[in-house]
């Protein structure tokens, strides 16, 4: 039976991704592979993660770090103020191939899967149609304020997913500080692999969680991880 494996934020952790696919019994010619965004940046082998995802025919939504590196690549192309990007971001951007850039540039903000599951990188505003979701919130949202507006700041509200009404189940990442989130109609899969946590996936249609530990701390977490 075909299954779909939806993987949390990889951030360039290629060895952990391969271990997670093994733990999930992923069959390249049979199963589907989907990422919640932030495949790249911060970790040890972002290029390797991109190449593996493309080779396996994976689907993904755009993450804020994927977009960041793509913007840095464009700045380098046009001779704009690339210095506004961190040195490691510029170095990664310079290594992207044309195929890498085209693949990232074509990633959507949301994916609707056959299993009545929606994938987004960061968050969705409850009761707002998918085609009206603000781009910046899809990429950076973590919380929902009391007035129903979204914010990337943890301290300004409660987890947006706690207020998501369904009926579609949303799979998302981005919120490494809160870690694994399991709500009635949403599951957060960012378990901080690049910070020394775990890499987590949900296997559909049974909605089973699988995770593997990080090989090491690849990036020291800030007081508030940036996702």
C-alpha atoms as a PDB file:
ATOM      1  CA  UNK A   1       0.000   0.000   0.000  1.00  0.00           C
ATOM      2  CA  UNK A   2       1.305   3.466  -0.887  1.00  0.00           C
ATOM      3  CA  UNK A   3       2.046   5.751   2.032  1.00  0.00           C
ATOM      4  CA  UNK A   4       2.948   9.418   2.308  1.00  0.00           C
ATOM      5  CA  UNK A   5       5.779  10.528   4.580  1.00  0.00           C
ATOM      6  CA  UNK A   6       5.584  14.172   5.656  1.00  0.00           C
ATOM      7  CA  UNK A   7       8.896  15.332   7.117  1.00  0.00           C
ATOM      8  CA  UNK A   8       9.502  18.201   9.542  1.00  0.00           C
ATOM      9  CA  UNK A   9      12.166  20.892   9.237  1.00  0.00           C
ATOM     10  CA  UNK A  10      15.386  19.254   7.970  1.00  0.00           C
ATOM     11  CA  UNK A  11      17.657  22.336   7.872  1.00  0.00           C
ATOM     12  CA  UNK A  12      20.382  20.537   5.960  1.00  0.00           C
ATOM     13  CA  UNK A  13      20.603  17.504   8.275  1.00  0.00           C
ATOM     14  CA  UNK A  14      21.136  14.940   5.522  1.00  0.00           C
ATOM     15  CA  UNK A  15      22.245  11.991   7.669  1.00  0.00           C
ATOM     16  CA  UNK A  16      19.225  12.369   9.925  1.00  0.00           C
ATOM     17  CA  UNK A  17      16.923  12.593   6.910  1.00  0.00           C
ATOM     18  CA  UNK A  18      18.292   9.365   5.497  1.00  0.00           C
ATOM     19  CA  UNK A  19      17.928   7.702   8.905  1.00  0.00           C
ATOM     20  CA  UNK A  20      14.330   8.928   9.144  1.00  0.00           C
ATOM     21  CA  UNK A  21      13.480   7.571   5.705  1.00  0.00           C
ATOM     22  CA  UNK A  22      14.931   4.207   6.738  1.00  0.00           C
ATOM     23  CA  UNK A  23      12.945   4.256   9.986  1.00  0.00           C
ATOM     24  CA  UNK A  24       9.810   5.040   7.984  1.00  0.00           C
ATOM     25  CA  UNK A  25      10.402   2.160   5.549  1.00  0.00           C
ATOM     26  CA  UNK A  26      10.302   4.632   2.679  1.00  0.00           C
ATOM     27  CA  UNK A  27      10.068   2.977  -0.751  1.00  0.00           C
ATOM     28  CA  UNK A  28      11.226   5.417  -3.445  1.00  0.00           C
ATOM     29  CA  UNK A  29       9.279   3.828  -6.262  1.00  0.00           C
ATOM     30  CA  UNK A  30       6.063   3.456  -4.255  1.00  0.00           C
ATOM     31  CA  UNK A  31       5.705   6.001  -1.456  1.00  0.00           C
ATOM     32  CA  UNK A  32       5.319   9.771  -1.573  1.00  0.00           C
ATOM     33  CA  UNK A  33       7.677  12.132   0.226  1.00  0.00           C
ATOM     34  CA  UNK A  34       6.606  15.605   1.343  1.00  0.00           C
ATOM     35  CA  UNK A  35       8.495  18.278   3.307  1.00  0.00           C
ATOM     36  CA  UNK A  36       7.020  21.052   5.462  1.00  0.00           C
ATOM     37  CA  UNK A  37       9.697  23.512   4.310  1.00  0.00           C
ATOM     38  CA  UNK A  38      13.046  24.685   5.673  1.00  0.00           C
ATOM     39  CA  UNK A  39      14.929  21.921   3.935  1.00  0.00           C
ATOM     40  CA  UNK A  40      18.046  24.083   3.942  1.00  0.00           C
ATOM     41  CA  UNK A  41      20.228  26.465   5.982  1.00  0.00           C
ATOM     42  CA  UNK A  42      21.846  26.082   9.419  1.00  0.00           C
ATOM     43  CA  UNK A  43      22.729  22.371   9.097  1.00  0.00           C
ATOM     44  CA  UNK A  44      25.734  20.522   7.643  1.00  0.00           C
ATOM     45  CA  UNK A  45      24.609  19.520   4.134  1.00  0.00           C
ATOM     46  CA  UNK A  46      21.851  21.649   2.660  1.00  0.00           C
ATOM     47  CA  UNK A  47      22.916  20.936  -0.895  1.00  0.00           C
ATOM     48  CA  UNK A  48      22.799  17.203  -0.224  1.00  0.00           C
ATOM     49  CA  UNK A  49      19.278  17.512   1.185  1.00  0.00           C
ATOM     50  CA  UNK A  50      18.112  19.425  -1.891  1.00  0.00           C
ATOM     51  CA  UNK A  51      19.643  16.926  -4.279  1.00  0.00           C
ATOM     52  CA  UNK A  52      18.139  13.973  -2.421  1.00  0.00           C
ATOM     53  CA  UNK A  53      14.688  15.579  -2.320  1.00  0.00           C
ATOM     54  CA  UNK A  54      14.801  16.265  -6.048  1.00  0.00           C
ATOM     55  CA  UNK A  55      16.146  12.796  -6.863  1.00  0.00           C
ATOM     56  CA  UNK A  56      13.314  11.187  -4.899  1.00  0.00           C
ATOM     57  CA  UNK A  57      10.666  13.308  -6.610  1.00  0.00           C
ATOM     58  CA  UNK A  58       9.640  14.861  -3.304  1.00  0.00           C
ATOM     59  CA  UNK A  59       7.096  17.613  -2.899  1.00  0.00           C
ATOM     60  CA  UNK A  60       7.437  20.445  -0.415  1.00  0.00           C
ATOM     61  CA  UNK A  61       6.080  23.781   0.667  1.00  0.00           C
ATOM     62  CA  UNK A  62       8.272  26.844   0.863  1.00  0.00           C
ATOM     63  CA  UNK A  63       9.890  27.579   4.211  1.00  0.00           C
ATOM     64  CA  UNK A  64      11.198  30.905   5.429  1.00  0.00           C
ATOM     65  CA  UNK A  65      14.801  29.690   5.296  1.00  0.00           C
ATOM     66  CA  UNK A  66      14.370  28.315   1.786  1.00  0.00           C
ATOM     67  CA  UNK A  67      13.071  31.724   0.758  1.00  0.00           C
ATOM     68  CA  UNK A  68      15.881  33.506   2.624  1.00  0.00           C
ATOM     69  CA  UNK A  69      18.591  31.621   0.746  1.00  0.00           C
ATOM     70  CA  UNK A  70      16.806  32.161  -2.557  1.00  0.00           C
ATOM     71  CA  UNK A  71      16.655  35.915  -1.899  1.00  0.00           C
ATOM     72  CA  UNK A  72      20.349  35.904  -1.066  1.00  0.00           C
ATOM     73  CA  UNK A  73      21.093  34.140  -4.354  1.00  0.00           C
ATOM     74  CA  UNK A  74      19.149  36.798  -6.242  1.00  0.00           C
ATOM     75  CA  UNK A  75      21.030  39.558  -4.426  1.00  0.00           C
ATOM     76  CA  UNK A  76      24.336  37.999  -5.424  1.00  0.00           C
ATOM     77  CA  UNK A  77      23.140  37.775  -9.042  1.00  0.00           C
ATOM     78  CA  UNK A  78      22.165  41.396  -9.383  1.00  0.00           C
ATOM     79  CA  UNK A  79      24.922  42.872  -7.277  1.00  0.00           C
ATOM     80  CA  UNK A  80      22.507  44.145  -4.659  1.00  0.00           C
ATOM     81  CA  UNK A  81      23.362  44.587  -0.991  1.00  0.00           C
ATOM     82  CA  UNK A  82      24.091  40.928  -0.271  1.00  0.00           C
ATOM     83  CA  UNK A  83      25.917  41.943   2.905  1.00  0.00           C
ATOM     84  CA  UNK A  84      22.546  42.164   4.667  1.00  0.00           C
ATOM     85  CA  UNK A  85      22.493  38.349   4.642  1.00  0.00           C
ATOM     86  CA  UNK A  86      24.598  36.331   7.069  1.00  0.00           C
ATOM     87  CA  UNK A  87      27.870  34.976   5.710  1.00  0.00           C
ATOM     88  CA  UNK A  88      26.722  31.365   5.890  1.00  0.00           C
ATOM     89  CA  UNK A  89      23.524  32.215   4.012  1.00  0.00           C
ATOM     90  CA  UNK A  90      25.521  33.927   1.257  1.00  0.00           C
ATOM     91  CA  UNK A  91      27.887  30.963   1.037  1.00  0.00           C
ATOM     92  CA  UNK A  92      24.993  28.525   0.679  1.00  0.00           C
ATOM     93  CA  UNK A  93      23.254  30.748  -1.856  1.00  0.00           C
ATOM     94  CA  UNK A  94      26.388  30.830  -3.987  1.00  0.00           C
ATOM     95  CA  UNK A  95      26.443  27.016  -4.107  1.00  0.00           C
ATOM     96  CA  UNK A  96      22.887  26.570  -5.390  1.00  0.00           C
ATOM     97  CA  UNK A  97      22.704  25.210  -8.907  1.00  0.00           C
ATOM     98  CA  UNK A  98      20.217  26.516 -11.435  1.00  0.00           C
ATOM     99  CA  UNK A  99      18.139  23.380 -10.863  1.00  0.00           C
ATOM    100  CA  UNK A 100      18.226  23.886  -7.092  1.00  0.00           C
ATOM    101  CA  UNK A 101      17.047  27.453  -7.466  1.00  0.00           C
ATOM    102  CA  UNK A 102      14.295  26.547  -9.909  1.00  0.00           C
ATOM    103  CA  UNK A 103      13.034  23.806  -7.586  1.00  0.00           C
ATOM    104  CA  UNK A 104      12.944  26.073  -4.540  1.00  0.00           C
ATOM    105  CA  UNK A 105      11.436  28.921  -6.537  1.00  0.00           C
ATOM    106  CA  UNK A 106       8.538  26.737  -7.650  1.00  0.00           C
ATOM    107  CA  UNK A 107       7.552  25.604  -4.141  1.00  0.00           C
ATOM    108  CA  UNK A 108       4.003  26.584  -3.131  1.00  0.00           C
ATOM    109  CA  UNK A 109       2.961  28.049   0.203  1.00  0.00           C
ATOM    110  CA  UNK A 110       0.485  25.222   0.857  1.00  0.00           C
ATOM    111  CA  UNK A 111      -0.174  21.713  -0.393  1.00  0.00           C
ATOM    112  CA  UNK A 112      -3.455  19.840  -0.078  1.00  0.00           C
ATOM    113  CA  UNK A 113      -2.915  16.084   0.019  1.00  0.00           C
ATOM    114  CA  UNK A 114      -5.338  13.323  -0.877  1.00  0.00           C
ATOM    115  CA  UNK A 115      -5.716  12.282   2.757  1.00  0.00           C
ATOM    116  CA  UNK A 116      -7.573  15.538   3.612  1.00  0.00           C
ATOM    117  CA  UNK A 117      -4.334  16.970   4.931  1.00  0.00           C
ATOM    118  CA  UNK A 118      -2.974  20.461   4.285  1.00  0.00           C
ATOM    119  CA  UNK A 119       0.748  21.162   4.552  1.00  0.00           C
ATOM    120  CA  UNK A 120       2.128  24.636   5.334  1.00  0.00           C
ATOM    121  CA  UNK A 121       5.485  25.687   6.697  1.00  0.00           C
ATOM    122  CA  UNK A 122       4.503  27.877   9.637  1.00  0.00           C
ATOM    123  CA  UNK A 123       0.809  28.526  10.111  1.00  0.00           C
ATOM    124  CA  UNK A 124      -2.670  29.293   8.875  1.00  0.00           C
ATOM    125  CA  UNK A 125      -5.137  31.845  10.187  1.00  0.00           C
ATOM    126  CA  UNK A 126      -8.197  29.935  11.424  1.00  0.00           C
ATOM    127  CA  UNK A 127     -11.375  30.354   9.362  1.00  0.00           C
ATOM    128  CA  UNK A 128      -9.534  32.124   6.536  1.00  0.00           C
ATOM    129  CA  UNK A 129      -9.636  30.315   3.139  1.00  0.00           C
ATOM    130  CA  UNK A 130      -6.338  28.931   1.884  1.00  0.00           C
ATOM    131  CA  UNK A 131      -6.269  31.287  -1.077  1.00  0.00           C
ATOM    132  CA  UNK A 132      -6.533  34.278   1.292  1.00  0.00           C
ATOM    133  CA  UNK A 133      -3.831  33.259   3.747  1.00  0.00           C
ATOM    134  CA  UNK A 134      -1.146  35.987   4.060  1.00  0.00           C
ATOM    135  CA  UNK A 135       2.166  34.897   2.572  1.00  0.00           C
ATOM    136  CA  UNK A 136       4.243  36.147   5.494  1.00  0.00           C
ATOM    137  CA  UNK A 137       2.133  34.218   8.001  1.00  0.00           C
ATOM    138  CA  UNK A 138       2.375  31.002   5.988  1.00  0.00           C
ATOM    139  CA  UNK A 139       6.146  31.382   6.310  1.00  0.00           C
ATOM    140  CA  UNK A 140       6.597  32.720   9.857  1.00  0.00           C
ATOM    141  CA  UNK A 141       3.430  32.423  11.977  1.00  0.00           C
ATOM    142  CA  UNK A 142       3.625  30.750  15.390  1.00  0.00           C
ATOM    143  CA  UNK A 143       0.812  32.186  17.480  1.00  0.00           C
ATOM    144  CA  UNK A 144      -2.679  33.581  17.236  1.00  0.00           C
ATOM    145  CA  UNK A 145      -3.544  36.735  19.157  1.00  0.00           C
ATOM    146  CA  UNK A 146      -6.762  37.123  21.150  1.00  0.00           C
ATOM    147  CA  UNK A 147      -8.172  39.232  18.288  1.00  0.00           C
ATOM    148  CA  UNK A 148      -7.644  36.383  15.814  1.00  0.00           C
ATOM    149  CA  UNK A 149      -4.659  37.853  13.976  1.00  0.00           C
ATOM    150  CA  UNK A 150      -1.512  35.843  13.447  1.00  0.00           C
ATOM    151  CA  UNK A 151       1.987  36.638  14.679  1.00  0.00           C
ATOM    152  CA  UNK A 152       5.439  35.069  14.545  1.00  0.00           C
ATOM    153  CA  UNK A 153       5.983  35.929  18.218  1.00  0.00           C
ATOM    154  CA  UNK A 154       5.380  33.152  20.714  1.00  0.00           C
ATOM    155  CA  UNK A 155       4.600  35.494  23.568  1.00  0.00           C
ATOM    156  CA  UNK A 156       1.824  37.400  21.787  1.00  0.00           C
ATOM    157  CA  UNK A 157      -0.734  34.631  21.812  1.00  0.00           C
ATOM    158  CA  UNK A 158      -1.443  30.927  21.957  1.00  0.00           C
ATOM    159  CA  UNK A 159      -0.403  28.302  19.390  1.00  0.00           C
ATOM    160  CA  UNK A 160      -2.388  28.984  16.231  1.00  0.00           C
ATOM    161  CA  UNK A 161      -2.871  25.251  15.740  1.00  0.00           C
ATOM    162  CA  UNK A 162      -4.789  25.014  19.004  1.00  0.00           C
ATOM    163  CA  UNK A 163      -7.469  27.160  17.375  1.00  0.00           C
ATOM    164  CA  UNK A 164      -7.511  25.476  13.960  1.00  0.00           C
ATOM    165  CA  UNK A 165     -11.065  24.142  13.540  1.00  0.00           C
ATOM    166  CA  UNK A 166     -10.557  21.547  10.788  1.00  0.00           C
ATOM    167  CA  UNK A 167     -11.985  19.570   9.128  1.00  0.00           C
ATOM    168  CA  UNK A 168      -8.719  19.242   7.170  1.00  0.00           C
ATOM    169  CA  UNK A 169      -5.724  18.316   9.306  1.00  0.00           C
ATOM    170  CA  UNK A 170      -2.780  20.723   8.978  1.00  0.00           C
ATOM    171  CA  UNK A 171       0.833  19.526   9.117  1.00  0.00           C
ATOM    172  CA  UNK A 172       3.372  22.272   9.740  1.00  0.00           C
ATOM    173  CA  UNK A 173       6.861  23.017  11.033  1.00  0.00           C
ATOM    174  CA  UNK A 174       8.756  26.183  11.947  1.00  0.00           C
ATOM    175  CA  UNK A 175       8.061  26.230  15.702  1.00  0.00           C
ATOM    176  CA  UNK A 176      11.106  24.478  17.156  1.00  0.00           C
ATOM    177  CA  UNK A 177      10.631  26.157  20.530  1.00  0.00           C
ATOM    178  CA  UNK A 178       7.270  24.492  21.143  1.00  0.00           C
ATOM    179  CA  UNK A 179       8.501  21.276  19.534  1.00  0.00           C
ATOM    180  CA  UNK A 180       6.112  18.481  18.672  1.00  0.00           C
ATOM    181  CA  UNK A 181       2.545  19.772  18.753  1.00  0.00           C
ATOM    182  CA  UNK A 182      -0.415  17.437  18.593  1.00  0.00           C
ATOM    183  CA  UNK A 183      -3.792  19.158  18.365  1.00  0.00           C
ATOM    184  CA  UNK A 184      -7.168  17.809  17.253  1.00  0.00           C
ATOM    185  CA  UNK A 185      -6.815  19.199  13.727  1.00  0.00           C
ATOM    186  CA  UNK A 186      -3.124  20.069  13.379  1.00  0.00           C
ATOM    187  CA  UNK A 187       0.296  18.568  14.075  1.00  0.00           C
ATOM    188  CA  UNK A 188       3.559  20.499  14.373  1.00  0.00           C
ATOM    189  CA  UNK A 189       6.539  18.465  13.176  1.00  0.00           C
ATOM    190  CA  UNK A 190       9.492  20.753  13.948  1.00  0.00           C
ATOM    191  CA  UNK A 191      11.312  18.952  16.762  1.00  0.00           C
ATOM    192  CA  UNK A 192      14.539  20.901  16.467  1.00  0.00           C
ATOM    193  CA  UNK A 193      16.822  18.438  14.707  1.00  0.00           C
ATOM    194  CA  UNK A 194      19.398  21.074  13.756  1.00  0.00           C
ATOM    195  CA  UNK A 195      19.492  22.188  17.409  1.00  0.00           C
ATOM    196  CA  UNK A 196      20.294  18.675  18.618  1.00  0.00           C
ATOM    197  CA  UNK A 197      16.687  17.496  18.977  1.00  0.00           C
ATOM    198  CA  UNK A 198      14.990  15.035  16.665  1.00  0.00           C
ATOM    199  CA  UNK A 199      13.795  14.832  13.066  1.00  0.00           C
ATOM    200  CA  UNK A 200      10.141  13.848  12.930  1.00  0.00           C
ATOM    201  CA  UNK A 201       7.725  12.700  10.238  1.00  0.00           C
ATOM    202  CA  UNK A 202       4.076  11.750  10.056  1.00  0.00           C
ATOM    203  CA  UNK A 203       3.168   8.729   7.974  1.00  0.00           C
ATOM    204  CA  UNK A 204      -0.143   8.910   6.174  1.00  0.00           C
ATOM    205  CA  UNK A 205      -2.843   7.706   5.964  1.00  0.00           C
ATOM    206  CA  UNK A 206      -2.516   6.222   9.473  1.00  0.00           C
ATOM    207  CA  UNK A 207      -1.058   9.463  10.908  1.00  0.00           C
ATOM    208  CA  UNK A 208       1.717   7.628  12.697  1.00  0.00           C
ATOM    209  CA  UNK A 209       4.658   9.654  14.023  1.00  0.00           C
ATOM    210  CA  UNK A 210       8.246   8.503  13.490  1.00  0.00           C
ATOM    211  CA  UNK A 211      11.391  10.290  14.642  1.00  0.00           C
ATOM    212  CA  UNK A 212      15.148   9.870  14.855  1.00  0.00           C
ATOM    213  CA  UNK A 213      17.649  11.699  17.081  1.00  0.00           C
ATOM    214  CA  UNK A 214      20.028  14.334  15.771  1.00  0.00           C
ATOM    215  CA  UNK A 215      23.604  13.174  15.316  1.00  0.00           C
ATOM    216  CA  UNK A 216      24.789  16.263  17.213  1.00  0.00           C
ATOM    217  CA  UNK A 217      23.949  19.893  17.877  1.00  0.00           C
ATOM    218  CA  UNK A 218      24.539  21.480  14.480  1.00  0.00           C
ATOM    219  CA  UNK A 219      23.484  24.988  15.488  1.00  0.00           C
ATOM    220  CA  UNK A 220      23.231  26.271  19.040  1.00  0.00           C
ATOM    221  CA  UNK A 221      19.637  27.365  19.653  1.00  0.00           C
ATOM    222  CA  UNK A 222      18.913  30.956  20.510  1.00  0.00           C
ATOM    223  CA  UNK A 223      16.724  31.896  23.438  1.00  0.00           C
ATOM    224  CA  UNK A 224      13.898  31.998  20.883  1.00  0.00           C
ATOM    225  CA  UNK A 225      14.725  29.703  17.953  1.00  0.00           C
ATOM    226  CA  UNK A 226      14.140  31.395  14.620  1.00  0.00           C
ATOM    227  CA  UNK A 227      12.507  28.344  13.007  1.00  0.00           C
END
